[in-house]
Structures are given as C-alpha cells and as structure tokens.
All heavy atoms as atom14 arrays in JSON, in Angstrom:
{
  "sequence": "KFTVELSEKRGLPIAEFFVESDYGDYRVKTKPEQSR",
  "atom14_mask": [
    [1, 1, 1, 1, 1, 1, 1, 1, 1, 0, 0, 0, 0, 0],
    [1, 1, 1, 1, 1, 1, 1, 1, 1, 1, 1, 0, 0, 0],
    [1, 1, 1, 1, 1, 1, 1, 0, 0, 0, 0, 0, 0, 0],
    [1, 1, 1, 1, 1, 1, 1, 0, 0, 0, 0, 0, 0, 0],
    [1, 1, 1, 1, 1, 1, 1, 1, 1, 0, 0, 0, 0, 0],
    [1, 1, 1, 1, 1, 1, 1, 1, 0, 0, 0, 0, 0, 0],
    [1, 1, 1, 1, 1, 1, 0, 0, 0, 0, 0, 0, 0, 0],
    [1, 1, 1, 1, 1, 1, 1, 1, 1, 0, 0, 0, 0, 0],
    [1, 1, 1, 1, 1, 1, 1, 1, 1, 0, 0, 0, 0, 0],
    [1, 1, 1, 1, 1, 1, 1, 1, 1, 1, 1, 0, 0, 0],
    [1, 1, 1, 1, 0, 0, 0, 0, 0, 0, 0, 0, 0, 0],
    [1, 1, 1, 1, 1, 1, 1, 1, 0, 0, 0, 0, 0, 0],
    [1, 1, 1, 1, 1, 1, 1, 0, 0, 0, 0, 0, 0, 0],
    [1, 1, 1, 1, 1, 1, 1, 1, 0, 0, 0, 0, 0, 0],
    [1, 1, 1, 1, 1, 0, 0, 0, 0, 0, 0, 0, 0, 0],
    [1, 1, 1, 1, 1, 1, 1, 1, 1, 0, 0, 0, 0, 0],
    [1, 1, 1, 1, 1, 1, 1, 1, 1, 1, 1, 0, 0, 0],
    [1, 1, 1, 1, 1, 1, 1, 1, 1, 1, 1, 0, 0, 0],
    [1, 1, 1, 1, 1, 1, 1, 0, 0, 0, 0, 0, 0, 0],
    [1, 1, 1, 1, 1, 1, 1, 1, 1, 0, 0, 0, 0, 0],
    [1, 1, 1, 1, 1, 1, 0, 0, 0, 0, 0, 0, 0, 0],
    [1, 1, 1, 1, 1, 1, 1, 1, 0, 0, 0, 0, 0, 0],
    [1, 1, 1, 1, 1, 1, 1, 1, 1, 1, 1, 1, 0, 0],
    [1, 1, 1, 1, 0, 0, 0, 0, 0, 0, 0, 0, 0, 0],
    [1, 1, 1, 1, 1, 1, 1, 1, 0, 0, 0, 0, 0, 0],
    [1, 1, 1, 1, 1, 1, 1, 1, 1, 1, 1, 1, 0, 0],
    [1, 1, 1, 1, 1, 1, 1, 1, 1, 1, 1, 0, 0, 0],
    [1, 1, 1, 1, 1, 1, 1, 0, 0, 0, 0, 0, 0, 0],
    [1, 1, 1, 1, 1, 1, 1, 1, 1, 0, 0, 0, 0, 0],
    [1, 1, 1, 1, 1, 1, 1, 0, 0, 0, 0, 0, 0, 0],
    [1, 1, 1, 1, 1, 1, 1, 1, 1, 0, 0, 0, 0, 0],
    [1, 1, 1, 1, 1, 1, 1, 0, 0, 0, 0, 0, 0, 0],
    [1, 1, 1, 1, 1, 1, 1, 1, 1, 0, 0, 0, 0, 0],
    [1, 1, 1, 1, 1, 1, 1, 1, 1, 0, 0, 0, 0, 0],
    [1, 1, 1, 1, 1, 1, 0, 0, 0, 0, 0, 0, 0, 0],
    [1, 1, 1, 1, 1, 1, 1, 1, 1, 1, 1, 0, 0, 0]
  ],
  "atom14_positions": [
    [[-9.68, -35.76, 60.27], [-9.16, -36.7, 61.25], [-10.11, -36.88, 62.4], [-10.63, -35.91, 62.96], [-7.8, -36.3, 61.81], [-7.15, -37.24, 62.76], [-5.84, -36.74, 63.18], [-5.2, -37.7, 64.22], [-3.87, -37.2, 64.72], [0.0, 0.0, 0.0], [0.0, 0.0, 0.0], [0.0, 0.0, 0.0], [0.0, 0.0, 0.0], [0.0, 0.0, 0.0]],
    [[-10.43, -38.16, 62.75], [-11.33, -38.42, 63.89], [-10.44, -38.57, 65.11], [-9.48, -39.37, 65.11], [-12.13, -39.63, 63.61], [-13.09, -40.01, 64.81], [-14.24, -39.35, 64.96], [-12.71, -41.06, 65.59], [-15.04, -39.65, 66.03], [-13.56, -41.45, 66.69], [-14.76, -40.73, 66.85], [0.0, 0.0, 0.0], [0.0, 0.0, 0.0], [0.0, 0.0, 0.0]],
    [[-10.77, -37.88, 66.24], [-10.0, -38.09, 67.43], [-10.92, -38.42, 68.61], [-12.06, -37.98, 68.67], [-9.15, -36.82, 67.78], [-10.06, -35.69, 67.88], [-8.13, -36.5, 66.66], [0.0, 0.0, 0.0], [0.0, 0.0, 0.0], [0.0, 0.0, 0.0], [0.0, 0.0, 0.0], [0.0, 0.0, 0.0], [0.0, 0.0, 0.0], [0.0, 0.0, 0.0]],
    [[-10.35, -39.12, 69.63], [-11.08, -39.47, 70.82], [-10.27, -38.87, 72.01], [-9.12, -39.13, 72.12], [-11.27, -40.98, 70.98], [-11.96, -41.29, 72.34], [-11.92, -41.59, 69.83], [0.0, 0.0, 0.0], [0.0, 0.0, 0.0], [0.0, 0.0, 0.0], [0.0, 0.0, 0.0], [0.0, 0.0, 0.0], [0.0, 0.0, 0.0], [0.0, 0.0, 0.0]],
    [[-10.9, -38.07, 72.81], [-10.27, -37.56, 74.0], [-10.91, -38.25, 75.27], [-12.06, -38.2, 75.49], [-10.54, -36.01, 74.08], [-9.86, -35.28, 72.98], [-9.91, -33.73, 73.22], [-10.54, -33.32, 74.18], [-9.37, -33.03, 72.3], [0.0, 0.0, 0.0], [0.0, 0.0, 0.0], [0.0, 0.0, 0.0], [0.0, 0.0, 0.0], [0.0, 0.0, 0.0]],
    [[-9.97, -38.88, 76.03], [-10.39, -39.63, 77.22], [-10.14, -38.81, 78.48], [-9.17, -38.14, 78.58], [-9.59, -40.96, 77.3], [-9.72, -41.93, 76.11], [-8.78, -43.15, 76.34], [-11.18, -42.4, 76.01], [0.0, 0.0, 0.0], [0.0, 0.0, 0.0], [0.0, 0.0, 0.0], [0.0, 0.0, 0.0], [0.0, 0.0, 0.0], [0.0, 0.0, 0.0]],
    [[-11.11, -38.95, 79.41], [-10.98, -38.25, 80.67], [-11.76, -39.05, 81.75], [-12.28, -40.09, 81.4], [-11.51, -36.79, 80.58], [-12.86, -36.8, 80.19], [0.0, 0.0, 0.0], [0.0, 0.0, 0.0], [0.0, 0.0, 0.0], [0.0, 0.0, 0.0], [0.0, 0.0, 0.0], [0.0, 0.0, 0.0], [0.0, 0.0, 0.0], [0.0, 0.0, 0.0]],
    [[-11.77, -38.55, 82.94], [-12.49, -39.2, 84.03], [-13.4, -38.17, 84.7], [-13.02, -37.05, 84.87], [-11.55, -39.8, 85.06], [-10.88, -41.15, 84.48], [-10.23, -41.9, 85.62], [-10.31, -41.49, 86.79], [-9.58, -42.9, 85.37], [0.0, 0.0, 0.0], [0.0, 0.0, 0.0], [0.0, 0.0, 0.0], [0.0, 0.0, 0.0], [0.0, 0.0, 0.0]],
    [[-14.61, -38.64, 85.1], [-15.48, -37.8, 85.85], [-16.08, -38.68, 86.97], [-16.7, -39.75, 86.64], [-16.62, -37.23, 84.98], [-17.47, -36.26, 85.71], [-18.48, -35.64, 84.68], [-19.36, -34.63, 85.42], [-20.31, -33.97, 84.43], [0.0, 0.0, 0.0], [0.0, 0.0, 0.0], [0.0, 0.0, 0.0], [0.0, 0.0, 0.0], [0.0, 0.0, 0.0]],
    [[-15.85, -38.32, 88.17], [-16.34, -39.06, 89.36], [-15.85, -40.58, 89.3], [-16.58, -41.45, 89.59], [-17.82, -39.03, 89.43], [-18.44, -37.67, 89.66], [-19.92, -37.65, 89.66], [-20.47, -36.29, 89.89], [-21.73, -36.03, 89.83], [-22.64, -37.01, 89.6], [-22.14, -34.74, 89.99], [0.0, 0.0, 0.0], [0.0, 0.0, 0.0], [0.0, 0.0, 0.0]],
    [[-14.6, -40.67, 88.83], [-13.99, -41.98, 88.81], [-14.39, -42.85, 87.59], [-13.94, -44.02, 87.53], [0.0, 0.0, 0.0], [0.0, 0.0, 0.0], [0.0, 0.0, 0.0], [0.0, 0.0, 0.0], [0.0, 0.0, 0.0], [0.0, 0.0, 0.0], [0.0, 0.0, 0.0], [0.0, 0.0, 0.0], [0.0, 0.0, 0.0], [0.0, 0.0, 0.0]],
    [[-15.17, -42.35, 86.75], [-15.67, -43.1, 85.55], [-15.01, -42.51, 84.31], [-14.92, -41.32, 84.13], [-17.12, -43.09, 85.46], [-17.95, -43.62, 86.62], [-19.44, -43.41, 86.39], [-17.66, -45.14, 86.73], [0.0, 0.0, 0.0], [0.0, 0.0, 0.0], [0.0, 0.0, 0.0], [0.0, 0.0, 0.0], [0.0, 0.0, 0.0], [0.0, 0.0, 0.0]],
    [[-14.52, -43.49, 83.42], [-13.92, -42.97, 82.1], [-14.96, -42.31, 81.22], [-16.08, -42.83, 81.1], [-13.33, -44.2, 81.53], [-14.17, -45.34, 82.09], [-14.55, -44.92, 83.5], [0.0, 0.0, 0.0], [0.0, 0.0, 0.0], [0.0, 0.0, 0.0], [0.0, 0.0, 0.0], [0.0, 0.0, 0.0], [0.0, 0.0, 0.0], [0.0, 0.0, 0.0]],
    [[-14.63, -41.25, 80.51], [-15.46, -40.57, 79.61], [-14.66, -40.33, 78.35], [-13.48, -40.03, 78.34], [-15.91, -39.17, 80.21], [-16.73, -39.36, 81.44], [-16.66, -38.39, 79.17], [-17.1, -38.02, 82.1], [0.0, 0.0, 0.0], [0.0, 0.0, 0.0], [0.0, 0.0, 0.0], [0.0, 0.0, 0.0], [0.0, 0.0, 0.0], [0.0, 0.0, 0.0]],
    [[-15.43, -40.56, 77.21], [-14.79, -40.36, 75.89], [-15.59, -39.29, 75.13], [-16.83, -39.44, 75.11], [-14.75, -41.67, 75.11], [0.0, 0.0, 0.0], [0.0, 0.0, 0.0], [0.0, 0.0, 0.0], [0.0, 0.0, 0.0], [0.0, 0.0, 0.0], [0.0, 0.0, 0.0], [0.0, 0.0, 0.0], [0.0, 0.0, 0.0], [0.0, 0.0, 0.0]],
    [[-14.87, -38.39, 74.57], [-15.53, -37.37, 73.71], [-14.93, -37.48, 72.31], [-13.77, -37.68, 72.11], [-15.26, -35.91, 74.28], [-15.99, -35.66, 75.58], [-15.89, -34.21, 75.94], [-14.83, -33.81, 76.44], [-16.85, -33.45, 75.76], [0.0, 0.0, 0.0], [0.0, 0.0, 0.0], [0.0, 0.0, 0.0], [0.0, 0.0, 0.0], [0.0, 0.0, 0.0]],
    [[-15.8, -37.31, 71.32], [-15.44, -37.5, 69.95], [-15.33, -36.19, 69.25], [-16.15, -35.33, 69.41], [-16.42, -38.44, 69.19], [-16.62, -39.77, 69.83], [-17.87, -40.38, 69.85], [-15.56, -40.44, 70.41], [-18.07, -41.61, 70.41], [-15.7, -41.68, 71.02], [-16.96, -42.3, 71.02], [0.0, 0.0, 0.0], [0.0, 0.0, 0.0], [0.0, 0.0, 0.0]],
    [[-14.35, -36.04, 68.34], [-14.16, -34.82, 67.56], [-13.66, -35.16, 66.1], [-13.12, -36.2, 65.87], [-13.06, -33.94, 68.23], [-13.43, -33.48, 69.58], [-13.01, -34.18, 70.71], [-14.15, -32.27, 69.76], [-13.35, -33.71, 71.96], [-14.54, -31.8, 71.01], [-14.12, -32.55, 72.15], [0.0, 0.0, 0.0], [0.0, 0.0, 0.0], [0.0, 0.0, 0.0]],
    [[-14.0, -34.23, 65.23], [-13.5, -34.34, 63.84], [-12.67, -33.06, 63.57], [-13.2, -31.96, 63.81], [-14.69, -34.49, 62.84], [-14.17, -34.42, 61.43], [-15.48, -35.72, 63.09], [0.0, 0.0, 0.0], [0.0, 0.0, 0.0], [0.0, 0.0, 0.0], [0.0, 0.0, 0.0], [0.0, 0.0, 0.0], [0.0, 0.0, 0.0], [0.0, 0.0, 0.0]],
    [[-11.45, -33.25, 63.18], [-10.52, -32.18, 62.84], [-10.42, -32.12, 61.36], [-10.1, -33.04, 60.67], [-9.18, -32.37, 63.48], [-9.21, -32.53, 64.99], [-7.84, -32.72, 65.62], [-6.85, -32.68, 64.86], [-7.79, -33.0, 66.82], [0.0, 0.0, 0.0], [0.0, 0.0, 0.0], [0.0, 0.0, 0.0], [0.0, 0.0, 0.0], [0.0, 0.0, 0.0]],
    [[-10.76, -30.88, 60.81], [-10.7, -30.69, 59.35], [-9.82, -29.51, 58.98], [-9.78, -28.51, 59.66], [-12.15, -30.46, 58.85], [-12.97, -31.53, 59.21], [0.0, 0.0, 0.0], [0.0, 0.0, 0.0], [0.0, 0.0, 0.0], [0.0, 0.0, 0.0], [0.0, 0.0, 0.0], [0.0, 0.0, 0.0], [0.0, 0.0, 0.0], [0.0, 0.0, 0.0]],
    [[-9.09, -29.68, 57.88], [-8.23, -28.58, 57.37], [-9.0, -27.71, 56.41], [-9.69, -28.19, 55.5], [-7.04, -29.15, 56.66], [-5.98, -29.72, 57.61], [-5.81, -29.09, 58.68], [-5.41, -30.76, 57.35], [0.0, 0.0, 0.0], [0.0, 0.0, 0.0], [0.0, 0.0, 0.0], [0.0, 0.0, 0.0], [0.0, 0.0, 0.0], [0.0, 0.0, 0.0]],
    [[-8.86, -26.43, 56.61], [-9.49, -25.42, 55.65], [-8.38, -24.46, 55.32], [-8.36, -23.35, 55.85], [-10.68, -24.75, 56.24], [-11.82, -25.66, 56.52], [-12.02, -26.22, 57.81], [-12.75, -25.97, 55.6], [-13.06, -27.11, 58.04], [-13.82, -26.8, 55.81], [-14.01, -27.33, 57.05], [-15.04, -28.22, 57.28], [0.0, 0.0, 0.0], [0.0, 0.0, 0.0]],
    [[-7.57, -24.87, 54.41], [-6.45, -23.97, 53.95], [-5.47, -23.76, 55.06], [-4.79, -24.69, 55.45], [0.0, 0.0, 0.0], [0.0, 0.0, 0.0], [0.0, 0.0, 0.0], [0.0, 0.0, 0.0], [0.0, 0.0, 0.0], [0.0, 0.0, 0.0], [0.0, 0.0, 0.0], [0.0, 0.0, 0.0], [0.0, 0.0, 0.0], [0.0, 0.0, 0.0]],
    [[-5.44, -22.56, 55.51], [-4.4, -22.18, 56.52], [-4.83, -22.43, 58.0], [-4.05, -22.13, 58.93], [-4.03, -20.66, 56.37], [-3.37, -20.37, 55.06], [-2.77, -21.34, 54.47], [-3.53, -19.25, 54.56], [0.0, 0.0, 0.0], [0.0, 0.0, 0.0], [0.0, 0.0, 0.0], [0.0, 0.0, 0.0], [0.0, 0.0, 0.0], [0.0, 0.0, 0.0]],
    [[-6.03, -22.92, 58.14], [-6.45, -23.08, 59.59], [-7.13, -24.46, 59.68], [-7.59, -25.1, 58.66], [-7.37, -22.04, 60.04], [-8.68, -21.89, 59.29], [-9.85, -22.55, 59.7], [-8.72, -21.09, 58.12], [-11.0, -22.41, 59.06], [-9.94, -21.01, 57.43], [-11.1, -21.62, 57.89], [-12.22, -21.5, 57.21], [0.0, 0.0, 0.0], [0.0, 0.0, 0.0]],
    [[-7.21, -25.0, 60.86], [-7.77, -26.31, 61.14], [-8.89, -26.15, 62.16], [-8.8, -25.42, 63.15], [-6.73, -27.26, 61.75], [-7.15, -28.73, 61.81], [-5.92, -29.57, 62.2], [-6.28, -31.01, 62.16], [-6.29, -31.73, 61.05], [-6.0, -31.18, 59.88], [-6.55, -32.98, 61.01], [0.0, 0.0, 0.0], [0.0, 0.0, 0.0], [0.0, 0.0, 0.0]],
    [[-10.0, -26.79, 61.9], [-11.23, -26.69, 62.72], [-11.47, -28.01, 63.43], [-11.41, -29.04, 62.81], [-12.45, -26.3, 61.87], [-13.69, -26.26, 62.79], [-12.23, -24.95, 61.25], [0.0, 0.0, 0.0], [0.0, 0.0, 0.0], [0.0, 0.0, 0.0], [0.0, 0.0, 0.0], [0.0, 0.0, 0.0], [0.0, 0.0, 0.0], [0.0, 0.0, 0.0]],
    [[-11.72, -27.95, 64.74], [-11.99, -29.11, 65.53], [-13.38, -29.02, 66.1], [-13.7, -28.13, 66.89], [-10.96, -29.25, 66.69], [-11.17, -30.4, 67.6], [-10.09, -30.44, 68.67], [-10.35, -31.49, 69.68], [-9.3, -31.5, 70.7], [0.0, 0.0, 0.0], [0.0, 0.0, 0.0], [0.0, 0.0, 0.0], [0.0, 0.0, 0.0], [0.0, 0.0, 0.0]],
    [[-14.28, -29.89, 65.69], [-15.64, -29.86, 66.15], [-16.1, -31.28, 66.59], [-15.54, -32.23, 66.14], [-16.57, -29.28, 65.07], [-16.48, -30.1, 63.9], [-16.26, -27.86, 64.69], [0.0, 0.0, 0.0], [0.0, 0.0, 0.0], [0.0, 0.0, 0.0], [0.0, 0.0, 0.0], [0.0, 0.0, 0.0], [0.0, 0.0, 0.0], [0.0, 0.0, 0.0]],
    [[-17.27, -31.28, 67.28], [-17.87, -32.58, 67.55], [-18.64, -32.97, 66.28], [-19.18, -32.13, 65.61], [-18.81, -32.41, 68.74], [-18.05, -32.21, 70.07], [-19.04, -32.27, 71.31], [-18.24, -32.18, 72.6], [-19.1, -32.22, 73.77], [0.0, 0.0, 0.0], [0.0, 0.0, 0.0], [0.0, 0.0, 0.0], [0.0, 0.0, 0.0], [0.0, 0.0, 0.0]],
    [[-18.75, -34.28, 66.05], [-19.37, -34.81, 64.8], [-20.79, -34.2, 64.64], [-21.23, -33.85, 63.56], [-19.43, -36.28, 64.96], [-18.27, -36.58, 65.85], [-18.21, -35.46, 66.82], [0.0, 0.0, 0.0], [0.0, 0.0, 0.0], [0.0, 0.0, 0.0], [0.0, 0.0, 0.0], [0.0, 0.0, 0.0], [0.0, 0.0, 0.0], [0.0, 0.0, 0.0]],
    [[-21.58, -34.13, 65.73], [-23.0, -33.7, 65.63], [-23.07, -32.18, 65.37], [-24.11, -31.69, 64.98], [-23.73, -33.94, 66.88], [-23.23, -33.28, 68.17], [-22.15, -34.11, 68.9], [-21.59, -34.98, 68.25], [-21.94, -33.86, 70.11], [0.0, 0.0, 0.0], [0.0, 0.0, 0.0], [0.0, 0.0, 0.0], [0.0, 0.0, 0.0], [0.0, 0.0, 0.0]],
    [[-21.95, -31.46, 65.52], [-21.99, -30.05, 65.17], [-21.23, -29.74, 63.82], [-21.3, -28.61, 63.34], [-21.12, -29.3, 66.25], [-21.79, -29.4, 67.62], [-20.93, -28.82, 68.71], [-19.73, -28.54, 68.52], [-21.49, -28.58, 69.89], [0.0, 0.0, 0.0], [0.0, 0.0, 0.0], [0.0, 0.0, 0.0], [0.0, 0.0, 0.0], [0.0, 0.0, 0.0]],
    [[-20.78, -30.78, 63.18], [-20.15, -30.63, 61.83], [-21.29, -30.42, 60.78], [-22.33, -31.01, 60.89], [-19.32, -31.83, 61.42], [-18.27, -32.03, 62.39], [0.0, 0.0, 0.0], [0.0, 0.0, 0.0], [0.0, 0.0, 0.0], [0.0, 0.0, 0.0], [0.0, 0.0, 0.0], [0.0, 0.0, 0.0], [0.0, 0.0, 0.0], [0.0, 0.0, 0.0]],
    [[-21.02, -29.57, 59.86], [-21.94, -29.29, 58.84], [-21.5, -29.85, 57.47], [-20.38, -29.85, 57.15], [-22.17, -27.75, 58.71], [-22.73, -27.13, 60.0], [-22.95, -25.66, 59.78], [-23.56, -25.07, 61.02], [-24.86, -25.09, 61.27], [-25.73, -25.63, 60.46], [-25.29, -24.49, 62.39], [0.0, 0.0, 0.0], [0.0, 0.0, 0.0], [0.0, 0.0, 0.0]]
  ]
}
C-alpha cells in the first residue's frame, strides 16, 4: 500500500511518501527509495 503523510514546516505543506508491505505476521513501512 502506498501512503502519503502530510505535515507543515515553517508554514509550508510537506508530503512524505511510504510503501507499506505485509510479510506474514508483520508489516513493514518504508520510503520507496529505501525499499529493496
């Protein structure tokens, strides 16, 4: 699952991207550039 987390820094909107993947009994959430 691809997710976007929105926040603000110094009054400006910031978006961070993540990919959540299931591996059996646990779920891993990483940034796309860190996914292998």
